[in-house]
């Protein structure tokens, strides 16, 4: 191991792993194009949604570089798994269980436990690798995809409303989410 590698911190190595996962999924910097991804649950552009979810995932991973060892206090392995599997599906990537566990940014046993819980809830599905029976792959189920797209659409709208409230006060708060409660 060279001196540069020795001087790197665990969060820096985790950032490197996350960057490799993005490359592995073949997603690059731009949102993936996959016309079959959207469930048609709303009118938000699917490419925009993929980019939004990718940005959420990257922002979550950036916490390690800011908070260092304290970042473990903010862990949500199941959520990270869902976000990563969404982007992978958009890119048409096949995700091994090992890769999914790395994306969860948690200990392998913790990630596997969360993956099993997501599978029990019907949010992800697991299947054996046809070429290597020692490996399995994991993907969002149709239900998981639908729920995540619904959440992302809502989050994007809320962000837009919040941005409008701070900058352009002419946009109405249709859902009353930013109105004072009385």
N, C-alpha and C. Protein backbone atom coordinates (compact mmCIF):
# COMPACT_ATOMS: atom_id res chain seq x y z
N UNK A 1 0.86 -1.18 0.00
CA UNK A 1 0.00 0.00 0.00
C UNK A 1 0.89 1.23 0.00
N UNK A 2 0.63 2.19 -0.86
CA UNK A 2 1.46 3.38 -0.93
C UNK A 2 1.05 4.39 0.15
N UNK A 3 1.91 5.42 0.34
CA UNK A 3 1.65 6.41 1.39
C UNK A 3 0.34 7.16 1.16
N UNK A 4 0.00 7.43 -0.10
CA UNK A 4 -1.25 8.13 -0.41
C UNK A 4 -2.45 7.31 0.06
N UNK A 5 -2.43 6.01 -0.19
CA UNK A 5 -3.53 5.14 0.23
C UNK A 5 -3.61 5.07 1.75
N UNK A 6 -2.47 5.06 2.44
CA UNK A 6 -2.47 4.99 3.91
C UNK A 6 -3.05 6.26 4.53
N UNK A 7 -2.85 7.39 3.87
CA UNK A 7 -3.31 8.66 4.44
C UNK A 7 -4.80 8.90 4.22
N UNK A 8 -5.44 8.10 3.42
CA UNK A 8 -6.86 8.28 3.14
C UNK A 8 -7.69 7.76 4.31
N UNK A 9 -8.79 8.41 4.58
CA UNK A 9 -9.67 8.00 5.66
C UNK A 9 -10.71 7.02 5.14
N UNK A 10 -11.36 6.33 6.06
CA UNK A 10 -12.41 5.39 5.68
C UNK A 10 -13.52 6.07 4.87
N UNK A 11 -13.99 7.27 5.26
CA UNK A 11 -15.02 7.93 4.44
C UNK A 11 -14.55 8.21 3.02
N UNK A 12 -13.24 8.55 2.85
CA UNK A 12 -12.73 8.79 1.51
C UNK A 12 -12.76 7.51 0.69
N UNK A 13 -12.41 6.39 1.31
CA UNK A 13 -12.48 5.11 0.61
C UNK A 13 -13.93 4.78 0.27
N UNK A 14 -14.86 5.09 1.17
CA UNK A 14 -16.27 4.85 0.91
C UNK A 14 -16.75 5.69 -0.27
N UNK A 15 -16.30 6.94 -0.33
CA UNK A 15 -16.65 7.79 -1.48
C UNK A 15 -16.14 7.18 -2.78
N UNK A 16 -14.92 6.63 -2.75
CA UNK A 16 -14.36 5.98 -3.93
C UNK A 16 -15.20 4.78 -4.34
N UNK A 17 -15.63 4.00 -3.35
CA UNK A 17 -16.47 2.83 -3.63
C UNK A 17 -17.78 3.26 -4.25
N UNK A 18 -18.37 4.34 -3.71
CA UNK A 18 -19.64 4.82 -4.25
C UNK A 18 -19.47 5.27 -5.70
N UNK A 19 -18.35 5.96 -6.00
CA UNK A 19 -18.10 6.40 -7.37
C UNK A 19 -17.95 5.20 -8.30
N UNK A 20 -17.28 4.16 -7.82
CA UNK A 20 -17.14 2.94 -8.62
C UNK A 20 -18.49 2.27 -8.86
N UNK A 21 -19.36 2.30 -7.86
CA UNK A 21 -20.69 1.72 -8.04
C UNK A 21 -21.46 2.47 -9.12
N UNK A 22 -21.35 3.80 -9.13
CA UNK A 22 -22.03 4.57 -10.17
C UNK A 22 -21.49 4.17 -11.53
N UNK A 23 -20.15 4.04 -11.64
CA UNK A 23 -19.55 3.60 -12.90
C UNK A 23 -20.02 2.19 -13.25
N UNK A 24 -20.05 1.32 -12.26
CA UNK A 24 -20.45 -0.07 -12.47
C UNK A 24 -21.87 -0.15 -13.00
N UNK A 25 -22.74 0.69 -12.47
CA UNK A 25 -24.13 0.71 -12.93
C UNK A 25 -24.23 1.35 -14.31
N UNK A 26 -23.15 1.96 -14.77
CA UNK A 26 -23.15 2.57 -16.10
C UNK A 26 -23.95 3.86 -16.16
N UNK A 27 -24.00 4.59 -15.07
CA UNK A 27 -24.88 5.74 -15.02
C UNK A 27 -24.20 7.07 -15.27
N UNK A 28 -22.89 7.14 -15.25
CA UNK A 28 -22.21 8.39 -15.55
C UNK A 28 -22.81 9.57 -14.82
N UNK A 29 -22.63 10.76 -15.36
CA UNK A 29 -23.09 11.98 -14.69
C UNK A 29 -24.49 12.39 -15.12
N UNK A 30 -24.93 11.95 -16.30
CA UNK A 30 -26.24 12.39 -16.76
C UNK A 30 -27.31 11.37 -16.38
N UNK A 31 -28.52 11.83 -16.30
CA UNK A 31 -29.63 10.92 -15.98
C UNK A 31 -29.78 9.90 -17.09
N UNK A 32 -30.11 8.69 -16.69
CA UNK A 32 -30.24 7.59 -17.65
C UNK A 32 -31.53 7.71 -18.43
N UNK A 33 -31.51 7.17 -19.59
CA UNK A 33 -32.70 7.16 -20.44
C UNK A 33 -33.27 5.76 -20.44
N UNK A 34 -34.46 5.58 -19.94
CA UNK A 34 -35.11 4.28 -19.96
C UNK A 34 -36.62 4.53 -19.97
N UNK A 35 -37.24 4.47 -21.14
CA UNK A 35 -38.65 4.81 -21.23
C UNK A 35 -39.57 3.85 -20.46
N UNK A 36 -39.07 2.70 -20.04
CA UNK A 36 -39.93 1.77 -19.33
C UNK A 36 -39.88 1.99 -17.83
N UNK A 37 -39.06 2.92 -17.36
CA UNK A 37 -38.91 3.11 -15.92
C UNK A 37 -40.14 3.70 -15.28
N UNK A 38 -40.66 4.76 -15.83
CA UNK A 38 -41.76 5.47 -15.19
C UNK A 38 -43.03 4.63 -15.18
N UNK A 39 -43.73 4.70 -14.06
CA UNK A 39 -45.00 4.01 -13.93
C UNK A 39 -46.15 4.88 -14.39
N UNK A 40 -45.83 6.11 -14.77
CA UNK A 40 -46.88 7.02 -15.21
C UNK A 40 -47.69 7.55 -14.05
N UNK A 41 -47.13 7.47 -12.83
CA UNK A 41 -47.86 7.88 -11.64
C UNK A 41 -48.08 9.38 -11.58
N UNK A 42 -47.30 10.16 -12.33
CA UNK A 42 -47.44 11.61 -12.28
C UNK A 42 -46.88 12.22 -13.55
N UNK A 43 -46.85 13.54 -13.57
CA UNK A 43 -46.43 14.22 -14.78
C UNK A 43 -44.98 14.68 -14.74
N UNK A 44 -44.20 14.27 -13.75
CA UNK A 44 -42.81 14.68 -13.66
C UNK A 44 -41.98 13.84 -14.62
N UNK A 45 -41.10 14.48 -15.37
CA UNK A 45 -40.24 13.81 -16.33
C UNK A 45 -39.41 12.74 -15.64
N UNK A 46 -39.39 11.52 -16.21
CA UNK A 46 -38.67 10.39 -15.61
C UNK A 46 -37.18 10.66 -15.52
N UNK A 47 -36.56 11.26 -16.54
CA UNK A 47 -35.13 11.57 -16.49
C UNK A 47 -34.83 12.53 -15.35
N UNK A 48 -35.69 13.50 -15.17
CA UNK A 48 -35.54 14.45 -14.08
C UNK A 48 -35.61 13.74 -12.73
N UNK A 49 -36.52 12.78 -12.63
CA UNK A 49 -36.70 12.04 -11.38
C UNK A 49 -35.47 11.19 -11.08
N UNK A 50 -34.91 10.54 -12.10
CA UNK A 50 -33.71 9.74 -11.89
C UNK A 50 -32.56 10.63 -11.41
N UNK A 51 -32.40 11.78 -12.04
CA UNK A 51 -31.37 12.72 -11.62
C UNK A 51 -31.59 13.20 -10.19
N UNK A 52 -32.84 13.43 -9.85
CA UNK A 52 -33.18 13.88 -8.50
C UNK A 52 -32.82 12.81 -7.47
N UNK A 53 -33.20 11.56 -7.75
CA UNK A 53 -32.91 10.48 -6.81
C UNK A 53 -31.41 10.24 -6.73
N UNK A 54 -30.72 10.32 -7.86
CA UNK A 54 -29.26 10.17 -7.83
C UNK A 54 -28.65 11.27 -6.96
N UNK A 55 -29.14 12.50 -7.08
CA UNK A 55 -28.61 13.62 -6.28
C UNK A 55 -28.88 13.40 -4.79
N UNK A 56 -30.05 12.88 -4.46
CA UNK A 56 -30.36 12.58 -3.06
C UNK A 56 -29.37 11.54 -2.53
N UNK A 57 -29.13 10.48 -3.31
CA UNK A 57 -28.21 9.43 -2.88
C UNK A 57 -26.80 10.00 -2.69
N UNK A 58 -26.33 10.79 -3.65
CA UNK A 58 -24.99 11.38 -3.54
C UNK A 58 -24.89 12.33 -2.35
N UNK A 59 -25.93 13.09 -2.11
CA UNK A 59 -25.93 14.01 -0.95
C UNK A 59 -25.84 13.21 0.34
N UNK A 60 -26.55 12.10 0.40
CA UNK A 60 -26.49 11.24 1.58
C UNK A 60 -25.08 10.69 1.78
N UNK A 61 -24.43 10.30 0.71
CA UNK A 61 -23.08 9.75 0.81
C UNK A 61 -22.08 10.84 1.18
N UNK A 62 -22.35 12.08 0.81
CA UNK A 62 -21.41 13.17 1.12
C UNK A 62 -21.37 13.47 2.61
N UNK A 63 -22.33 12.99 3.36
CA UNK A 63 -22.34 13.25 4.80
C UNK A 63 -21.08 12.71 5.48
N UNK A 64 -20.55 11.58 4.97
CA UNK A 64 -19.34 11.01 5.56
C UNK A 64 -18.17 11.98 5.48
N UNK A 65 -18.06 12.69 4.35
CA UNK A 65 -16.93 13.61 4.21
C UNK A 65 -17.10 14.86 5.08
N UNK A 66 -18.32 15.20 5.42
CA UNK A 66 -18.57 16.38 6.24
C UNK A 66 -18.56 16.02 7.73
N UNK A 67 -19.28 14.97 8.10
CA UNK A 67 -19.44 14.61 9.50
C UNK A 67 -18.45 13.57 10.00
N UNK A 68 -17.67 12.98 9.09
CA UNK A 68 -16.69 11.97 9.49
C UNK A 68 -17.35 10.82 10.22
N UNK A 69 -16.80 10.44 11.36
CA UNK A 69 -17.32 9.32 12.14
C UNK A 69 -18.72 9.52 12.67
N UNK A 70 -19.17 10.77 12.75
CA UNK A 70 -20.52 11.04 13.25
C UNK A 70 -21.59 10.69 12.22
N UNK A 71 -21.20 10.50 10.96
CA UNK A 71 -22.18 10.21 9.90
C UNK A 71 -22.93 8.92 10.15
N UNK A 72 -22.33 8.00 10.91
CA UNK A 72 -23.01 6.74 11.18
C UNK A 72 -24.31 6.95 11.97
N UNK A 73 -24.44 8.10 12.60
CA UNK A 73 -25.67 8.41 13.32
C UNK A 73 -26.85 8.61 12.39
N UNK A 74 -26.57 8.87 11.11
CA UNK A 74 -27.64 9.19 10.16
C UNK A 74 -27.96 8.03 9.23
N UNK A 75 -27.51 6.84 9.52
CA UNK A 75 -27.65 5.72 8.61
C UNK A 75 -29.09 5.26 8.41
N UNK A 76 -29.42 5.01 7.18
CA UNK A 76 -30.70 4.40 6.79
C UNK A 76 -30.39 3.43 5.65
N UNK A 77 -29.81 2.28 5.97
CA UNK A 77 -29.40 1.35 4.91
C UNK A 77 -30.53 0.95 3.96
N UNK A 78 -31.73 0.75 4.46
CA UNK A 78 -32.83 0.34 3.59
C UNK A 78 -33.15 1.43 2.58
N UNK A 79 -33.13 2.68 3.02
CA UNK A 79 -33.42 3.79 2.12
C UNK A 79 -32.33 3.91 1.05
N UNK A 80 -31.07 3.79 1.48
CA UNK A 80 -29.96 3.85 0.52
C UNK A 80 -30.06 2.72 -0.49
N UNK A 81 -30.47 1.53 -0.05
CA UNK A 81 -30.66 0.41 -0.98
C UNK A 81 -31.72 0.75 -2.02
N UNK A 82 -32.85 1.28 -1.58
CA UNK A 82 -33.92 1.63 -2.52
C UNK A 82 -33.47 2.68 -3.52
N UNK A 83 -32.79 3.72 -3.04
CA UNK A 83 -32.32 4.77 -3.94
C UNK A 83 -31.35 4.21 -4.97
N UNK A 84 -30.39 3.41 -4.52
CA UNK A 84 -29.40 2.84 -5.43
C UNK A 84 -30.06 1.90 -6.44
N UNK A 85 -31.00 1.09 -5.99
CA UNK A 85 -31.67 0.16 -6.91
C UNK A 85 -32.54 0.90 -7.92
N UNK A 86 -33.08 2.03 -7.53
CA UNK A 86 -33.86 2.84 -8.47
C UNK A 86 -32.98 3.33 -9.60
N UNK A 87 -31.84 3.91 -9.25
CA UNK A 87 -30.92 4.43 -10.27
C UNK A 87 -30.40 3.29 -11.13
N UNK A 88 -30.08 2.16 -10.51
CA UNK A 88 -29.60 1.00 -11.28
C UNK A 88 -30.65 0.54 -12.27
N UNK A 89 -31.91 0.50 -11.84
CA UNK A 89 -32.98 0.07 -12.75
C UNK A 89 -33.11 1.05 -13.92
N UNK A 90 -32.99 2.33 -13.61
CA UNK A 90 -33.08 3.34 -14.67
C UNK A 90 -31.97 3.17 -15.69
N UNK A 91 -30.82 2.72 -15.24
CA UNK A 91 -29.66 2.53 -16.11
C UNK A 91 -29.66 1.16 -16.77
N UNK A 92 -30.60 0.31 -16.40
CA UNK A 92 -30.64 -1.03 -16.95
C UNK A 92 -29.56 -1.93 -16.37
N UNK A 93 -29.04 -1.58 -15.20
CA UNK A 93 -27.96 -2.35 -14.58
C UNK A 93 -28.51 -3.52 -13.79
N UNK A 94 -27.77 -4.61 -13.81
CA UNK A 94 -28.06 -5.78 -12.97
C UNK A 94 -27.20 -5.62 -11.72
N UNK A 95 -27.82 -5.67 -10.54
CA UNK A 95 -27.12 -5.41 -9.29
C UNK A 95 -27.00 -6.69 -8.49
N UNK A 96 -25.77 -7.05 -8.16
CA UNK A 96 -25.55 -8.21 -7.30
C UNK A 96 -25.90 -7.83 -5.87
N UNK A 97 -26.19 -8.82 -5.06
CA UNK A 97 -26.48 -8.56 -3.65
C UNK A 97 -25.27 -7.90 -3.00
N UNK A 98 -24.07 -8.34 -3.36
CA UNK A 98 -22.85 -7.75 -2.81
C UNK A 98 -22.76 -6.26 -3.14
N UNK A 99 -23.03 -5.90 -4.38
CA UNK A 99 -22.99 -4.50 -4.79
C UNK A 99 -24.06 -3.69 -4.07
N UNK A 100 -25.25 -4.26 -3.94
CA UNK A 100 -26.33 -3.55 -3.24
C UNK A 100 -25.94 -3.31 -1.79
N UNK A 101 -25.32 -4.29 -1.16
CA UNK A 101 -24.90 -4.13 0.24
C UNK A 101 -23.87 -3.02 0.37
N UNK A 102 -22.95 -2.92 -0.58
CA UNK A 102 -21.96 -1.84 -0.55
C UNK A 102 -22.64 -0.48 -0.69
N UNK A 103 -23.67 -0.42 -1.51
CA UNK A 103 -24.40 0.84 -1.71
C UNK A 103 -25.15 1.27 -0.45
N UNK A 104 -25.44 0.32 0.43
CA UNK A 104 -26.16 0.64 1.66
C UNK A 104 -25.28 1.38 2.66
N UNK A 105 -23.96 1.38 2.43
CA UNK A 105 -23.01 2.06 3.31
C UNK A 105 -23.16 1.61 4.76
N UNK A 106 -23.30 0.31 4.93
CA UNK A 106 -23.44 -0.27 6.26
C UNK A 106 -22.65 -1.58 6.28
N UNK A 107 -22.49 -2.14 7.44
CA UNK A 107 -21.84 -3.44 7.56
C UNK A 107 -22.62 -4.45 6.72
N UNK A 108 -21.94 -5.40 6.11
CA UNK A 108 -22.65 -6.38 5.27
C UNK A 108 -23.82 -7.07 5.98
N UNK A 109 -23.64 -7.45 7.23
CA UNK A 109 -24.74 -8.12 7.95
C UNK A 109 -25.94 -7.19 8.11
N UNK A 110 -25.68 -5.92 8.36
CA UNK A 110 -26.76 -4.94 8.50
C UNK A 110 -27.46 -4.75 7.16
N UNK A 111 -26.67 -4.59 6.11
CA UNK A 111 -27.26 -4.39 4.78
C UNK A 111 -28.09 -5.60 4.36
N UNK A 112 -27.59 -6.80 4.62
CA UNK A 112 -28.34 -8.02 4.28
C UNK A 112 -29.65 -8.11 5.06
N UNK A 113 -29.62 -7.72 6.32
CA UNK A 113 -30.83 -7.73 7.14
C UNK A 113 -31.87 -6.76 6.57
N UNK A 114 -31.44 -5.58 6.16
CA UNK A 114 -32.35 -4.60 5.58
C UNK A 114 -32.84 -5.06 4.20
N UNK A 115 -31.98 -5.67 3.44
CA UNK A 115 -32.37 -6.20 2.14
C UNK A 115 -33.45 -7.27 2.30
N UNK A 116 -33.27 -8.15 3.28
CA UNK A 116 -34.28 -9.18 3.55
C UNK A 116 -35.61 -8.57 3.97
N UNK A 117 -35.55 -7.51 4.78
CA UNK A 117 -36.79 -6.84 5.21
C UNK A 117 -37.49 -6.20 4.01
N UNK A 118 -36.73 -5.56 3.13
CA UNK A 118 -37.32 -4.96 1.92
C UNK A 118 -37.95 -6.03 1.04
N UNK A 119 -37.31 -7.18 0.97
CA UNK A 119 -37.85 -8.28 0.18
C UNK A 119 -39.15 -8.80 0.80
N UNK A 120 -39.17 -8.96 2.12
CA UNK A 120 -40.40 -9.42 2.81
C UNK A 120 -41.55 -8.46 2.58
N UNK A 121 -41.24 -7.16 2.51
CA UNK A 121 -42.27 -6.14 2.31
C UNK A 121 -42.68 -6.00 0.85
N UNK A 122 -42.01 -6.74 -0.03
CA UNK A 122 -42.37 -6.69 -1.44
C UNK A 122 -41.83 -5.49 -2.19
N UNK A 123 -40.82 -4.81 -1.63
CA UNK A 123 -40.26 -3.63 -2.28
C UNK A 123 -39.09 -3.97 -3.21
N UNK A 124 -38.43 -5.08 -2.95
CA UNK A 124 -37.36 -5.56 -3.82
C UNK A 124 -37.59 -7.04 -4.09
N UNK A 125 -36.93 -7.50 -5.14
CA UNK A 125 -37.00 -8.93 -5.47
C UNK A 125 -35.58 -9.43 -5.70
N UNK A 126 -35.36 -10.66 -5.33
CA UNK A 126 -34.05 -11.27 -5.47
C UNK A 126 -34.18 -12.46 -6.40
N UNK A 127 -33.15 -12.67 -7.23
CA UNK A 127 -33.15 -13.84 -8.10
C UNK A 127 -31.73 -14.35 -8.24
N UNK A 128 -31.62 -15.65 -8.49
CA UNK A 128 -30.30 -16.25 -8.66
C UNK A 128 -29.70 -15.85 -9.99
N UNK A 129 -28.39 -15.76 -10.02
CA UNK A 129 -27.64 -15.51 -11.25
C UNK A 129 -27.72 -16.78 -12.08
N UNK A 130 -28.17 -16.67 -13.32
CA UNK A 130 -28.33 -17.84 -14.18
C UNK A 130 -27.00 -18.49 -14.52
N UNK A 131 -25.92 -17.71 -14.53
CA UNK A 131 -24.61 -18.25 -14.89
C UNK A 131 -23.79 -18.71 -13.70
N UNK A 132 -24.06 -18.16 -12.53
CA UNK A 132 -23.29 -18.50 -11.34
C UNK A 132 -24.25 -18.61 -10.17
N UNK A 133 -24.62 -19.81 -9.80
CA UNK A 133 -25.63 -20.03 -8.76
C UNK A 133 -25.17 -19.58 -7.38
N UNK A 134 -23.90 -19.23 -7.23
CA UNK A 134 -23.43 -18.72 -5.94
C UNK A 134 -23.82 -17.26 -5.75
N UNK A 135 -24.16 -16.60 -6.83
CA UNK A 135 -24.51 -15.18 -6.79
C UNK A 135 -26.01 -14.99 -6.93
N UNK A 136 -26.50 -13.91 -6.36
CA UNK A 136 -27.88 -13.49 -6.60
C UNK A 136 -27.88 -12.03 -6.96
N UNK A 137 -28.96 -11.66 -7.61
CA UNK A 137 -29.17 -10.27 -8.02
C UNK A 137 -30.39 -9.74 -7.30
N UNK A 138 -30.42 -8.45 -7.14
CA UNK A 138 -31.55 -7.81 -6.47
C UNK A 138 -31.98 -6.62 -7.32
N UNK A 139 -33.28 -6.36 -7.31
CA UNK A 139 -33.84 -5.24 -8.07
C UNK A 139 -35.09 -4.74 -7.36
N UNK A 140 -35.47 -3.52 -7.68
CA UNK A 140 -36.74 -3.01 -7.18
C UNK A 140 -37.87 -3.84 -7.76
N UNK A 141 -38.86 -4.12 -6.96
CA UNK A 141 -40.08 -4.75 -7.49
C UNK A 141 -40.90 -3.66 -8.17
N UNK A 142 -41.91 -4.05 -8.88
CA UNK A 142 -42.80 -3.04 -9.50
C UNK A 142 -43.44 -2.17 -8.42
N UNK A 143 -43.80 -2.78 -7.30
CA UNK A 143 -44.39 -2.03 -6.18
C UNK A 143 -43.37 -1.05 -5.61
N UNK A 144 -42.13 -1.51 -5.41
CA UNK A 144 -41.08 -0.63 -4.89
C UNK A 144 -40.82 0.54 -5.83
N UNK A 145 -40.80 0.25 -7.14
CA UNK A 145 -40.61 1.29 -8.14
C UNK A 145 -41.73 2.32 -8.07
N UNK A 146 -42.95 1.85 -8.02
CA UNK A 146 -44.10 2.75 -7.99
C UNK A 146 -44.08 3.65 -6.75
N UNK A 147 -43.80 3.05 -5.59
CA UNK A 147 -43.77 3.84 -4.36
C UNK A 147 -42.63 4.85 -4.36
N UNK A 148 -41.47 4.44 -4.84
CA UNK A 148 -40.33 5.36 -4.87
C UNK A 148 -40.57 6.50 -5.85
N UNK A 149 -41.18 6.21 -7.00
CA UNK A 149 -41.49 7.27 -7.95
C UNK A 149 -42.54 8.23 -7.39
N UNK A 150 -43.51 7.70 -6.67
CA UNK A 150 -44.51 8.56 -6.04
C UNK A 150 -43.85 9.47 -5.02
N UNK A 151 -42.96 8.91 -4.18
CA UNK A 151 -42.24 9.71 -3.19
C UNK A 151 -41.41 10.79 -3.89
N UNK A 152 -40.64 10.40 -4.92
CA UNK A 152 -39.75 11.34 -5.60
C UNK A 152 -40.55 12.47 -6.24
N UNK A 153 -41.67 12.14 -6.83
CA UNK A 153 -42.51 13.16 -7.44
C UNK A 153 -43.01 14.15 -6.40
N UNK A 154 -43.45 13.63 -5.27
CA UNK A 154 -43.93 14.49 -4.18
C UNK A 154 -42.78 15.35 -3.64
N UNK A 155 -41.62 14.74 -3.44
CA UNK A 155 -40.47 15.48 -2.92
C UNK A 155 -40.04 16.57 -3.89
N UNK A 156 -40.06 16.26 -5.19
CA UNK A 156 -39.70 17.28 -6.18
C UNK A 156 -40.69 18.44 -6.15
N UNK A 157 -41.98 18.14 -6.05
CA UNK A 157 -42.98 19.20 -5.99
C UNK A 157 -42.81 20.04 -4.73
N UNK A 158 -42.56 19.39 -3.59
CA UNK A 158 -42.38 20.13 -2.35
C UNK A 158 -41.15 21.02 -2.41
N UNK A 159 -40.10 20.52 -3.02
CA UNK A 159 -38.89 21.32 -3.19
C UNK A 159 -39.18 22.54 -4.06
N UNK A 160 -39.92 22.33 -5.14
CA UNK A 160 -40.27 23.44 -6.03
C UNK A 160 -41.14 24.46 -5.31
N UNK A 161 -42.08 23.99 -4.51
CA UNK A 161 -42.94 24.91 -3.75
C UNK A 161 -42.09 25.68 -2.75
N UNK A 162 -41.18 24.98 -2.05
CA UNK A 162 -40.31 25.65 -1.09
C UNK A 162 -39.42 26.68 -1.76
N UNK A 163 -38.86 26.32 -2.91
CA UNK A 163 -38.03 27.27 -3.66
C UNK A 163 -38.85 28.48 -4.07
N UNK A 164 -40.07 28.24 -4.52
CA UNK A 164 -40.93 29.33 -4.96
C UNK A 164 -41.30 30.23 -3.78
N UNK A 165 -41.53 29.65 -2.62
CA UNK A 165 -41.91 30.44 -1.45
C UNK A 165 -40.76 31.34 -1.01
N UNK A 166 -39.53 30.85 -1.19
CA UNK A 166 -38.38 31.65 -0.81
C UNK A 166 -38.06 32.72 -1.84
N UNK A 167 -38.34 32.42 -3.12
CA UNK A 167 -37.94 33.35 -4.18
C UNK A 167 -39.11 34.02 -4.85
N UNK A 168 -39.98 33.24 -5.44
CA UNK A 168 -41.10 33.78 -6.20
C UNK A 168 -42.37 33.51 -5.41
N UNK A 169 -42.87 34.51 -4.74
CA UNK A 169 -44.02 34.33 -3.86
C UNK A 169 -45.35 34.26 -4.61
N UNK A 170 -45.31 34.16 -5.93
CA UNK A 170 -46.55 34.10 -6.69
C UNK A 170 -47.08 32.68 -6.84
N UNK A 171 -46.25 31.66 -6.55
CA UNK A 171 -46.70 30.28 -6.70
C UNK A 171 -47.58 29.92 -5.50
N UNK A 172 -48.70 29.32 -5.77
CA UNK A 172 -49.61 28.97 -4.68
C UNK A 172 -49.18 27.67 -4.03
N UNK A 173 -49.49 27.53 -2.78
CA UNK A 173 -49.22 26.33 -2.01
C UNK A 173 -50.49 25.49 -2.06
N UNK A 174 -50.62 24.72 -3.14
CA UNK A 174 -51.86 23.99 -3.39
C UNK A 174 -52.23 23.00 -2.29
N UNK A 175 -51.24 22.39 -1.68
CA UNK A 175 -51.53 21.39 -0.65
C UNK A 175 -51.55 21.95 0.75
N UNK A 176 -51.26 23.24 0.89
CA UNK A 176 -51.26 23.85 2.21
C UNK A 176 -50.10 23.41 3.08
N UNK A 177 -49.07 22.84 2.47
CA UNK A 177 -47.95 22.29 3.24
C UNK A 177 -47.08 23.37 3.86
N UNK A 178 -47.06 24.57 3.28
CA UNK A 178 -46.23 25.63 3.80
C UNK A 178 -47.07 26.73 4.45
N UNK A 179 -48.35 26.50 4.55
CA UNK A 179 -49.23 27.48 5.19
C UNK A 179 -49.17 27.29 6.70
N UNK A 180 -49.27 28.39 7.45
CA UNK A 180 -49.27 28.27 8.91
C UNK A 180 -50.47 27.46 9.37
N UNK A 181 -50.22 26.60 10.32
CA UNK A 181 -51.30 25.79 10.90
C UNK A 181 -51.99 26.62 11.98
N UNK A 182 -53.29 26.61 11.99
CA UNK A 182 -53.97 27.46 12.93
C UNK A 182 -54.81 26.74 13.81
